[in-house]
Amino acid sequence: MQKGMHTDTERCVRAVRSKDARFDGWFYTAVLTTGIYCRPSCPVVPPKAENMVFHPSAAACQQAGFRACKRCRPDTSPGSPEWNHRADAVARAMRLITDGVVDREGVPGLAARLGYSTRQVERQLLAELGAGPLALARAQRAQTARLLIETTALPMAEIAFAAGFSSVRTFNDTVREVFALSPSGLRARAPREDDHHTAGALSLRLPFRTPLNPDNLFGHLAATAVPGVEEWIPHSLEGVGGAPIGAYRRTLRLPYGHGIVALAPRPGHIACRLTLSDLRDLPVAISRCRRLLDLDADPVAVDGHLRTDPVLAPLVDKAPGRRVPRTVDAAEFAIRAVLGQQVSTAAARTHAARLVTAHGEPVHDPEGGLTHLFPTPDALAALDPGTLALPRARRTTLTTLVSALADGDLPLGVDSDWPETRARLLALPGFGPWTADVIAMRALGDPDAFLPTDLGIRRAARDLGLPSTPAALTARAAAWRPWRAYAVQYLWATDSHPINILPV
């Protein structure tokens, strides 16, 4: 699996004939005889090879005049892992489009964030994805509309504007064109499920590529949860066979309002319950939850590479599919990383909770104990350093970081240039390699970020017979590139720390 896979016709045909779900999201199959496009794992009988053409995106299929298959629902495929492990302009553009930038700021806003002209951005996206930014954003709007049509009882006019369409007519035309059904027809086909929870909550399924090991993913989020902003609730969602399962819950700061999400691992998908103050935030909320749980990763490629190291191979074989726990807000994570410097997990949570109580925005949570949104850098910019129960040097580190974030001197987001941002972080007082690299790994999404100075990593290295000094371990880890952030998860998992254990 690699960049431009849709051009390898023979390989794509083999994937379609074997209905290989690992390739879902990597490319899409358009069938010339039916005018339908599918995911590679579509359950219908594969067409003849001469009747298949392959596209790199759903938007490209739609632009070529194909409509989505009603059986395999290709728009619900996991996203391409290309956009999470690459740092070039196209990957950054795709992360921004998924985060709703085109709908909010238009193509000029997207181009300005990337530092290119609109023509350059359109040309690069068209060359690699077969569709420009407007077509890609339109495909996302269509997917959002389908979700709202099928999972809510909202009037169609409300859904049209919540999904980002400029008019009800455009909404109707797009739904008919993409799904070959009217909006009311889509709703009539959708299975209806009883929902006994809070009115207005949306129940969704977030797909991923198997395998997925939830232990370190949810264990890390639960063990480091900031009271008031995050919590682990045992038996919060209904699991397989009606058995209750626990869920990670947190508040979300979103472009148009705020939300609360509950996420729980289930076979084949992540159960997701979203309550939003403004439905226009739905696609962004889904995108950030997927990013938080690293759901667009390609575990087969990652684990296959790490297995080539005889030291890591047994760790991967024991519990394959580990993901990198990330964040829904890069600035929030950077602040929390500073609060966690050289202190225990419990102490870091306490420091963060104090900031939340003093400076966070209150929210209402009828289903649990969440109370606040994490404070913005702007809200923290005026805080009195003397009120922080931190050593003086760390107060300076925190206030300098907050000032840089609030002033825009340190932009952190899905479009961040990883090497450049890491260099800017290291230039701040009190920022060493560990803090910069943990932010790169979890806030920026760099899949190759490495933590050779981390005590847990050094202990694991020593126990496994790997070099334990940072320089020697970094040299030894060169063979793990470009997936060193995933190697970190496997090394951390050799410890019995709560971050590695799925809560019950």
Protein backbone atom coordinates (compact mmCIF):
# COMPACT_ATOMS: atom_id res chain seq x y z
CA MET A 1 0.00 0.00 0.00
CA GLN A 2 1.51 3.28 -1.08
CA LYS A 3 0.96 6.69 -2.55
CA GLY A 4 -0.90 6.53 -5.87
CA MET A 5 -2.03 2.94 -5.40
CA HIS A 6 -5.10 3.50 -7.63
CA THR A 7 -2.75 3.60 -10.63
CA ASP A 8 -1.66 -0.01 -10.01
CA THR A 9 -4.59 -1.62 -11.84
CA GLU A 10 -3.49 -5.23 -11.38
CA ARG A 11 -3.07 -4.83 -7.64
CA CYS A 12 -6.41 -3.04 -7.29
CA VAL A 13 -8.19 -5.77 -9.22
CA ARG A 14 -6.70 -8.42 -6.90
CA ALA A 15 -7.84 -6.45 -3.84
CA VAL A 16 -11.40 -6.15 -5.20
CA ARG A 17 -11.63 -9.83 -6.14
CA SER A 18 -10.47 -10.86 -2.65
CA LYS A 19 -12.76 -8.23 -1.01
CA ASP A 20 -9.80 -7.11 1.07
CA ALA A 21 -11.02 -4.58 3.67
CA ARG A 22 -7.44 -3.46 4.36
CA PHE A 23 -7.62 -1.42 1.15
CA ASP A 24 -10.85 0.41 2.01
CA GLY A 25 -10.12 4.13 1.85
CA TRP A 26 -6.91 3.63 -0.15
CA PHE A 27 -8.79 3.63 -3.46
CA TYR A 28 -12.34 3.35 -4.85
CA THR A 29 -13.67 1.10 -7.59
CA ALA A 30 -15.93 2.67 -10.23
CA VAL A 31 -17.93 0.20 -12.32
CA LEU A 32 -18.45 1.36 -15.90
CA THR A 33 -21.48 -0.84 -16.57
CA THR A 34 -23.49 0.29 -13.55
CA GLY A 35 -22.26 3.83 -12.90
CA ILE A 36 -21.66 2.90 -9.25
CA TYR A 37 -18.50 3.26 -7.14
CA CYS A 38 -17.62 0.92 -4.27
CA ARG A 39 -15.05 0.22 -1.61
CA PRO A 40 -12.68 -2.70 -2.37
CA SER A 41 -14.42 -4.95 0.18
CA CYS A 42 -17.89 -4.51 -1.35
CA PRO A 43 -19.84 -7.77 -0.79
CA VAL A 44 -21.38 -7.87 -4.29
CA VAL A 45 -19.91 -10.10 -7.00
CA PRO A 46 -16.91 -8.24 -8.46
CA PRO A 47 -17.35 -6.99 -12.04
CA LYS A 48 -15.08 -7.98 -14.89
CA ALA A 49 -11.68 -6.35 -14.76
CA GLU A 50 -12.29 -4.45 -17.99
CA ASN A 51 -15.36 -2.81 -16.42
CA MET A 52 -13.46 -1.45 -13.41
CA VAL A 53 -11.65 1.87 -13.16
CA PHE A 54 -9.98 3.08 -9.99
CA HIS A 55 -9.99 6.48 -8.32
CA PRO A 56 -8.03 7.84 -5.35
CA SER A 57 -11.04 9.48 -3.65
CA ALA A 58 -14.81 9.36 -3.39
CA ALA A 59 -14.85 12.93 -4.66
CA ALA A 60 -13.06 11.86 -7.85
CA CYS A 61 -15.65 9.13 -8.40
CA GLN A 62 -18.48 11.59 -7.90
CA GLN A 63 -16.85 14.12 -10.21
CA ALA A 64 -16.57 11.41 -12.87
CA GLY A 65 -20.34 10.84 -12.65
CA PHE A 66 -20.46 7.70 -10.48
CA ARG A 67 -22.86 7.29 -7.55
CA ALA A 68 -22.20 5.58 -4.23
CA CYS A 69 -23.02 1.89 -3.81
CA LYS A 70 -25.99 1.31 -1.50
CA ARG A 71 -24.56 -2.01 -0.26
CA CYS A 72 -21.01 -1.16 0.80
CA ARG A 73 -21.53 2.59 1.46
CA PRO A 74 -18.03 3.62 0.35
CA ASP A 75 -18.29 7.03 2.00
CA THR A 76 -18.11 5.28 5.39
CA SER A 77 -14.68 3.78 4.69
CA PRO A 78 -11.81 4.68 7.02
CA GLY A 79 -9.86 7.65 5.71
CA SER A 80 -6.69 7.13 3.74
CA PRO A 81 -3.71 6.66 6.07
CA GLU A 82 -1.71 8.78 3.64
CA TRP A 83 -3.04 11.97 5.20
CA ASN A 84 -1.91 11.00 8.68
CA HIS A 85 1.67 9.89 8.03
CA ARG A 86 2.68 12.37 5.36
CA ALA A 87 3.78 15.95 6.00
CA ASP A 88 3.66 17.39 2.46
CA ALA A 89 1.25 20.05 1.21
CA VAL A 90 -1.35 17.60 -0.14
CA ALA A 91 -1.53 15.69 3.13
CA ARG A 92 -1.80 18.91 5.13
CA ALA A 93 -4.51 20.15 2.76
CA MET A 94 -6.50 16.95 3.23
CA ARG A 95 -6.26 17.22 7.01
CA LEU A 96 -7.53 20.81 6.79
CA ILE A 97 -10.38 19.90 4.43
CA THR A 98 -11.44 17.10 6.79
CA ASP A 99 -11.36 19.64 9.61
CA GLY A 100 -13.86 21.80 7.69
CA VAL A 101 -11.57 24.66 6.64
CA VAL A 102 -12.93 24.91 3.08
CA ASP A 103 -16.52 25.18 4.32
CA ARG A 104 -15.57 27.87 6.85
CA GLU A 105 -12.86 29.81 5.01
CA GLY A 106 -13.17 28.81 1.38
CA VAL A 107 -10.37 27.68 -0.93
CA PRO A 108 -8.47 30.99 -0.42
CA GLY A 109 -8.43 30.29 3.33
CA LEU A 110 -7.10 26.79 2.72
CA ALA A 111 -4.39 28.08 0.41
CA ALA A 112 -3.38 30.82 2.85
CA ARG A 113 -2.90 28.30 5.64
CA LEU A 114 -0.68 26.20 3.41
CA GLY A 115 1.30 29.16 2.07
CA TYR A 116 0.40 28.45 -1.57
CA SER A 117 -1.76 30.11 -4.20
CA THR A 118 -5.25 28.71 -4.78
CA ARG A 119 -4.16 27.55 -8.23
CA GLN A 120 -1.20 25.61 -6.79
CA VAL A 121 -3.42 23.90 -4.20
CA GLU A 122 -6.06 22.99 -6.75
CA ARG A 123 -3.43 21.64 -9.16
CA GLN A 124 -1.74 19.48 -6.51
CA LEU A 125 -5.00 18.03 -5.17
CA LEU A 126 -6.34 17.35 -8.64
CA ALA A 127 -3.12 15.58 -9.67
CA GLU A 128 -3.11 13.26 -6.65
CA LEU A 129 -6.77 12.89 -5.69
CA GLY A 130 -8.55 13.45 -8.98
CA ALA A 131 -10.59 16.27 -7.44
CA GLY A 132 -10.04 19.82 -6.28
CA PRO A 133 -10.72 21.23 -2.80
CA LEU A 134 -14.33 22.21 -3.57
CA ALA A 135 -15.18 18.72 -4.82
CA LEU A 136 -13.48 17.11 -1.82
CA ALA A 137 -15.40 19.37 0.57
CA ARG A 138 -18.63 18.61 -1.30
CA ALA A 139 -18.08 14.88 -0.85
CA GLN A 140 -17.63 15.46 2.87
CA ARG A 141 -20.84 17.51 3.02
CA ALA A 142 -22.68 14.66 1.32
CA GLN A 143 -21.40 12.19 3.90
CA THR A 144 -22.43 14.51 6.75
CA ALA A 145 -25.87 14.91 5.22
CA ARG A 146 -26.31 11.14 5.00
CA LEU A 147 -25.34 10.72 8.64
CA LEU A 148 -27.85 13.35 9.77
CA ILE A 149 -30.59 11.98 7.52
CA GLU A 150 -30.14 8.44 8.82
CA THR A 151 -29.46 9.10 12.51
CA THR A 152 -31.75 12.02 13.35
CA ALA A 153 -35.37 13.05 12.87
CA LEU A 154 -34.38 16.61 11.95
CA PRO A 155 -36.28 18.34 9.14
CA MET A 156 -34.41 18.18 5.85
CA ALA A 157 -34.00 21.96 5.68
CA GLU A 158 -32.15 21.93 9.01
CA ILE A 159 -29.97 19.06 7.85
CA ALA A 160 -29.10 20.89 4.63
CA PHE A 161 -27.64 23.87 6.44
CA ALA A 162 -26.09 21.80 9.25
CA ALA A 163 -24.20 19.77 6.63
CA GLY A 164 -22.85 22.97 5.07
CA PHE A 165 -25.01 23.32 1.95
CA SER A 166 -25.86 26.82 0.79
CA SER A 167 -29.45 25.93 -0.11
CA VAL A 168 -31.99 23.14 0.24
CA ARG A 169 -32.00 22.74 -3.53
CA THR A 170 -28.25 22.15 -3.65
CA PHE A 171 -28.62 19.68 -0.77
CA ASN A 172 -31.37 17.75 -2.58
CA ASP A 173 -29.48 17.69 -5.87
CA THR A 174 -26.23 16.53 -4.24
CA VAL A 175 -27.87 13.73 -2.24
CA ARG A 176 -29.68 12.45 -5.33
CA GLU A 177 -26.51 12.64 -7.42
CA VAL A 178 -24.24 10.93 -4.89
CA PHE A 179 -26.58 8.32 -3.41
CA ALA A 180 -29.15 7.88 -6.22
CA LEU A 181 -31.90 8.48 -3.69
CA SER A 182 -33.78 11.50 -2.47
CA PRO A 183 -33.13 12.60 1.13
CA SER A 184 -36.48 11.13 2.19
CA GLY A 185 -35.61 7.93 0.35
CA LEU A 186 -32.33 7.66 2.26
CA ARG A 187 -34.17 8.12 5.54
CA ALA A 188 -36.74 5.47 4.66
CA ARG A 189 -33.99 2.91 4.04
CA ALA A 190 -32.14 3.61 7.29
CA PRO A 191 -32.58 1.16 10.17
CA ARG A 192 -34.28 2.81 13.11
CA GLU A 193 -32.81 2.20 16.55
CA ASP A 194 -34.36 3.06 19.88
CA ASP A 195 -32.29 5.68 21.67
CA HIS A 196 -32.96 6.02 25.36
CA HIS A 197 -30.29 8.63 25.99
CA THR A 198 -30.40 12.40 25.91
CA ALA A 199 -32.44 13.95 23.13
CA GLY A 200 -30.21 15.40 20.42
CA ALA A 201 -27.40 12.87 20.85
CA LEU A 202 -26.15 11.21 17.67
CA SER A 203 -25.10 7.54 17.75
CA LEU A 204 -22.48 6.73 15.12
CA ARG A 205 -20.04 3.99 14.21
CA LEU A 206 -16.45 5.00 13.51
CA PRO A 207 -14.79 2.40 11.25
CA PHE A 208 -11.13 1.44 11.38
CA ARG A 209 -8.71 -0.96 9.77
CA THR A 210 -8.17 -4.11 11.76
CA PRO A 211 -6.51 -5.08 13.97
CA LEU A 212 -7.04 -2.50 16.67
CA ASN A 213 -5.75 -3.00 20.21
CA PRO A 214 -7.75 -0.72 22.53
CA ASP A 215 -5.68 -1.30 25.68
CA ASN A 216 -3.06 1.44 25.44
CA LEU A 217 -5.36 3.67 23.39
CA PHE A 218 -8.19 3.95 25.91
CA GLY A 219 -5.95 3.16 28.87
CA HIS A 220 -3.82 6.21 28.15
CA LEU A 221 -6.81 8.51 27.70
CA ALA A 222 -8.49 7.26 30.88
CA ALA A 223 -5.36 7.33 33.05
CA THR A 224 -4.47 10.90 32.05
CA ALA A 225 -8.03 12.27 31.96
CA VAL A 226 -8.38 15.82 33.31
CA PRO A 227 -11.33 16.01 35.74
CA GLY A 228 -14.16 18.10 34.36
CA VAL A 229 -12.91 17.81 30.76
CA GLU A 230 -12.52 14.02 30.46
CA GLU A 231 -13.74 10.94 32.27
CA TRP A 232 -13.97 7.17 31.99
CA ILE A 233 -17.48 5.89 32.71
CA PRO A 234 -17.81 2.13 33.32
CA HIS A 235 -20.78 0.53 31.59
CA SER A 236 -21.71 3.72 29.77
CA LEU A 237 -22.64 2.29 26.36
CA GLU A 238 -24.38 -0.91 25.34
CA GLY A 239 -21.89 -3.45 24.09
CA VAL A 240 -22.03 -6.69 22.12
CA GLY A 241 -25.08 -8.77 22.93
CA GLY A 242 -26.52 -5.98 25.06
CA ALA A 243 -23.73 -6.21 27.65
CA PRO A 244 -22.69 -2.79 29.00
CA ILE A 245 -19.21 -1.49 28.23
CA GLY A 246 -17.22 1.46 29.48
CA ALA A 247 -16.62 4.65 27.53
CA TYR A 248 -14.17 7.51 27.40
CA ARG A 249 -16.02 10.82 27.48
CA ARG A 250 -14.79 14.36 26.97
CA THR A 251 -15.86 17.87 26.04
CA LEU A 252 -15.00 19.30 22.63
CA ARG A 253 -14.34 22.89 21.63
CA LEU A 254 -15.54 23.22 18.03
CA PRO A 255 -15.69 25.99 15.41
CA TYR A 256 -19.38 26.83 15.87
CA GLY A 257 -19.97 25.71 19.45
CA HIS A 258 -19.08 22.83 21.75
CA GLY A 259 -19.84 19.16 22.14
CA ILE A 260 -19.59 16.12 24.36
CA VAL A 261 -18.51 12.77 22.98
CA ALA A 262 -18.51 9.23 24.37
CA LEU A 263 -16.23 6.71 22.65
CA ALA A 264 -16.09 2.96 23.31
CA PRO A 265 -14.29 0.11 21.52
CA ARG A 266 -16.46 -2.54 19.91
CA PRO A 267 -15.67 -5.34 17.43
CA GLY A 268 -15.18 -3.75 14.02
CA HIS A 269 -15.90 -0.17 15.01
CA ILE A 270 -15.78 2.48 17.73
CA ALA A 271 -19.17 3.35 19.21
CA CYS A 272 -19.51 7.13 19.20
CA ARG A 273 -22.20 9.24 20.85
CA LEU A 274 -22.06 12.95 20.09
CA THR A 275 -24.05 15.79 21.58
CA LEU A 276 -23.43 19.08 19.78
CA SER A 277 -24.57 22.61 20.50
CA ASP A 278 -24.44 23.30 16.72
CA LEU A 279 -24.90 20.51 14.18
CA ARG A 280 -22.65 22.29 11.69
CA ASP A 281 -19.80 20.95 13.83
CA LEU A 282 -20.61 17.30 13.11
CA PRO A 283 -17.97 16.60 10.41
CA VAL A 284 -15.26 18.39 12.40
CA ALA A 285 -16.21 16.52 15.61
CA ILE A 286 -16.04 13.17 13.80
CA SER A 287 -12.71 14.08 12.22
CA ARG A 288 -11.21 15.04 15.58
CA CYS A 289 -12.47 11.89 17.28
CA ARG A 290 -10.97 9.77 14.54
CA ARG A 291 -7.70 11.65 14.91
CA LEU A 292 -7.80 11.26 18.71
CA LEU A 293 -8.01 7.47 18.34
CA ASP A 294 -5.72 7.24 15.28
CA LEU A 295 -8.47 5.37 13.42
CA ASP A 296 -7.15 6.03 9.91
CA ALA A 297 -3.85 4.24 10.60
CA ASP A 298 -2.79 1.23 8.55
CA PRO A 299 -1.85 -1.30 11.27
CA VAL A 300 -0.89 -4.01 8.77
CA ALA A 301 1.77 -1.77 7.24
CA VAL A 302 2.98 -0.46 10.61
CA ASP A 303 3.12 -3.82 12.36
CA GLY A 304 4.62 -5.52 9.33
CA HIS A 305 7.50 -3.06 9.35
CA LEU A 306 8.10 -3.26 13.11
CA ARG A 307 8.03 -7.07 12.99
CA THR A 308 11.20 -7.01 10.93
CA ASP A 309 13.04 -6.17 14.15
CA PRO A 310 13.52 -9.40 16.15
CA VAL A 311 13.23 -7.48 19.43
CA LEU A 312 9.91 -5.85 18.56
CA ALA A 313 8.39 -8.82 16.73
CA PRO A 314 7.25 -10.69 19.88
CA LEU A 315 5.67 -7.49 21.27
CA VAL A 316 3.75 -6.91 18.04
CA ASP A 317 2.68 -10.55 17.77
CA LYS A 318 1.41 -10.53 21.35
CA ALA A 319 -0.91 -7.54 20.88
CA PRO A 320 -1.00 -6.24 17.30
CA GLY A 321 -2.79 -3.12 16.18
CA ARG A 322 -1.63 -0.60 18.76
CA ARG A 323 -2.52 2.98 17.88
CA VAL A 324 -0.99 6.28 19.01
CA PRO A 325 -3.38 8.07 21.42
CA ARG A 326 -3.57 11.60 20.11
CA THR A 327 -5.66 14.68 20.91
CA VAL A 328 -8.66 16.72 19.77
CA ASP A 329 -6.87 20.01 20.42
CA ALA A 330 -3.14 20.51 19.80
CA ALA A 331 -2.86 23.66 21.93
CA GLU A 332 -4.58 21.92 24.84
CA PHE A 333 -2.18 19.01 24.64
CA ALA A 334 0.88 21.28 24.49
CA ILE A 335 -0.22 23.03 27.68
CA ARG A 336 -0.85 19.70 29.38
CA ALA A 337 2.55 18.40 28.26
CA VAL A 338 4.24 21.30 30.07
CA LEU A 339 2.14 20.70 33.18
CA GLY A 340 3.27 17.07 33.07
CA GLN A 341 7.00 17.79 32.92
CA GLN A 342 8.88 15.80 35.59
CA VAL A 343 5.77 15.01 37.65
CA SER A 344 3.53 11.98 38.06
CA THR A 345 0.43 11.38 35.98
CA ALA A 346 -1.74 12.17 39.01
CA ALA A 347 0.07 15.47 39.65
CA ALA A 348 -0.27 16.50 36.00
CA ARG A 349 -4.02 15.85 36.16
CA THR A 350 -4.28 17.93 39.32
CA HIS A 351 -2.44 20.90 37.79
CA ALA A 352 -4.60 20.74 34.66
CA ALA A 353 -7.82 20.44 36.67
CA ARG A 354 -6.98 23.64 38.55
CA LEU A 355 -6.55 25.53 35.28
CA VAL A 356 -9.84 24.11 34.01
CA THR A 357 -11.77 25.12 37.12
CA ALA A 358 -10.33 28.64 37.13
CA HIS A 359 -10.32 29.44 33.42
CA GLY A 360 -12.40 26.87 31.50
CA GLU A 361 -15.86 27.56 30.09
CA PRO A 362 -18.66 25.73 31.94
CA VAL A 363 -20.77 23.19 30.02
CA HIS A 364 -23.89 21.22 30.92
CA ASP A 365 -23.56 17.43 30.86
CA PRO A 366 -26.81 15.60 31.64
CA GLU A 367 -25.24 12.16 31.08
CA GLY A 368 -22.11 12.39 33.25
CA GLY A 369 -19.70 14.50 35.25
CA LEU A 370 -18.12 16.74 32.62
CA THR A 371 -18.17 20.40 33.63
CA HIS A 372 -15.86 22.50 31.44
CA LEU A 373 -14.15 23.02 28.15
CA PHE A 374 -10.38 23.15 28.45
CA PRO A 375 -9.35 26.84 28.57
CA THR A 376 -8.08 28.47 25.39
CA PRO A 377 -4.63 30.09 25.20
CA ASP A 378 -6.41 33.45 25.07
CA ALA A 379 -8.19 32.66 28.34
CA LEU A 380 -4.89 31.66 29.95
CA ALA A 381 -2.86 34.57 28.59
CA ALA A 382 -3.80 36.85 31.48
CA LEU A 383 -3.34 34.33 34.30
CA ASP A 384 -1.17 35.33 37.24
CA PRO A 385 1.91 33.04 37.32
CA GLY A 386 1.94 33.37 41.10
CA THR A 387 -1.31 31.39 41.29
CA LEU A 388 0.32 28.34 39.71
CA ALA A 389 1.55 25.68 42.11
CA LEU A 390 4.57 25.03 39.91
CA PRO A 391 8.32 25.63 40.20
CA ARG A 392 9.30 29.07 38.93
CA ALA A 393 11.05 27.74 35.84
CA ARG A 394 8.00 25.75 34.81
CA ARG A 395 5.75 28.76 35.34
CA THR A 396 7.93 30.63 32.86
CA THR A 397 7.74 27.72 30.43
CA LEU A 398 3.95 27.61 30.66
CA THR A 399 3.35 31.35 30.39
CA THR A 400 5.77 31.64 27.45
CA LEU A 401 4.01 28.79 25.65
CA VAL A 402 0.57 30.27 26.32
CA SER A 403 1.71 33.66 25.05
CA ALA A 404 3.15 32.16 21.86
CA LEU A 405 -0.07 30.23 21.24
CA ALA A 406 -2.32 33.21 21.95
CA ASP A 407 -0.28 35.59 19.77
CA GLY A 408 -0.19 33.15 16.85
CA ASP A 409 3.60 32.90 16.97
CA LEU A 410 3.33 29.13 17.48
CA PRO A 411 0.55 27.74 15.28
CA LEU A 412 -0.36 24.20 16.33
CA GLY A 413 -2.88 22.26 14.28
CA VAL A 414 -3.54 19.60 11.69
CA ASP A 415 -1.68 21.68 9.11
CA SER A 416 1.48 22.17 11.19
CA ASP A 417 4.81 21.52 9.52
CA TRP A 418 6.26 18.86 11.83
CA PRO A 419 10.02 19.66 11.67
CA GLU A 420 9.47 23.42 11.71
CA THR A 421 7.07 23.27 14.67
CA ARG A 422 9.38 20.99 16.62
CA ALA A 423 12.22 23.50 16.09
CA ARG A 424 9.99 26.35 17.31
CA LEU A 425 9.07 24.37 20.42
CA LEU A 426 12.70 23.65 21.23
CA ALA A 427 13.45 27.36 21.00
CA LEU A 428 11.05 28.10 23.89
CA PRO A 429 12.46 28.23 27.45
CA GLY A 430 12.04 24.97 29.33
CA PHE A 431 11.37 22.88 26.23
CA GLY A 432 13.65 19.88 25.88
CA PRO A 433 13.48 16.99 23.41
CA TRP A 434 10.95 14.98 25.48
CA THR A 435 8.35 17.77 25.56
CA ALA A 436 8.83 18.68 21.90
CA ASP A 437 8.67 15.06 20.77
CA VAL A 438 5.63 14.09 22.83
CA ILE A 439 3.79 17.10 21.36
CA ALA A 440 4.95 16.09 17.88
CA MET A 441 3.71 12.54 18.46
CA ARG A 442 0.37 13.17 20.11
CA ALA A 443 -0.64 16.72 19.16
CA LEU A 444 0.81 17.08 15.66
CA GLY A 445 0.40 13.44 14.63
CA ASP A 446 3.97 12.78 13.50
CA PRO A 447 4.12 8.96 13.18
CA ASP A 448 7.90 8.98 13.42
CA ALA A 449 8.23 11.02 16.64
CA PHE A 450 10.46 9.24 19.13
CA LEU A 451 11.06 9.61 22.89
CA PRO A 452 14.54 8.21 23.64
CA THR A 453 14.81 10.21 26.89
CA ASP A 454 11.50 8.93 28.31
CA LEU A 455 12.09 6.89 31.47
CA GLY A 456 9.51 4.26 30.51
CA ILE A 457 11.13 3.81 27.11
CA ARG A 458 14.60 3.55 28.61
CA ARG A 459 13.42 0.92 31.13
CA ALA A 460 11.77 -1.09 28.38
CA ALA A 461 14.89 -0.83 26.23
CA ARG A 462 17.07 -2.06 29.10
CA ASP A 463 14.77 -5.01 29.84
CA LEU A 464 14.65 -5.98 26.16
CA GLY A 465 18.41 -5.77 25.69
CA LEU A 466 18.24 -2.61 23.58
CA PRO A 467 20.60 0.32 24.16
CA SER A 468 19.26 2.47 26.98
CA THR A 469 21.16 5.71 26.44
CA PRO A 470 19.24 8.20 24.28
CA ALA A 471 21.87 8.51 21.55
CA ALA A 472 22.44 4.76 21.21
CA LEU A 473 18.71 3.99 21.34
CA THR A 474 17.99 6.61 18.67
CA ALA A 475 20.61 5.02 16.43
CA ARG A 476 19.15 1.55 17.04
CA ALA A 477 15.62 2.85 16.32
CA ALA A 478 16.55 4.14 12.86
CA ALA A 479 15.35 0.82 11.46
CA TRP A 480 11.85 1.49 12.85
CA ARG A 481 11.36 4.62 10.75
CA PRO A 482 8.91 6.00 9.68
CA TRP A 483 6.84 4.35 12.45
CA ARG A 484 8.84 5.09 15.60
CA ALA A 485 5.79 6.60 17.37
CA TYR A 486 4.14 3.18 17.11
CA ALA A 487 7.29 1.47 18.37
CA VAL A 488 6.99 3.76 21.41
CA GLN A 489 3.52 2.31 22.10
CA TYR A 490 4.85 -1.25 22.00
CA LEU A 491 7.77 -0.38 24.27
CA TRP A 492 5.52 1.43 26.75
CA ALA A 493 3.23 -1.61 26.80
CA THR A 494 5.94 -3.73 28.44
CA ASP A 495 5.15 -1.86 31.69
CA SER A 496 2.15 -2.41 33.96
CA HIS A 497 1.36 1.31 34.19
CA PRO A 498 -2.41 2.07 33.98
CA ILE A 499 -1.91 3.85 30.64
CA ASN A 500 -1.46 0.41 29.08
CA ILE A 501 -4.62 -1.18 30.46
CA LEU A 502 -8.15 -0.87 29.10
CA PRO A 503 -10.29 0.24 32.08
CA VAL A 504 -13.22 -1.95 33.13
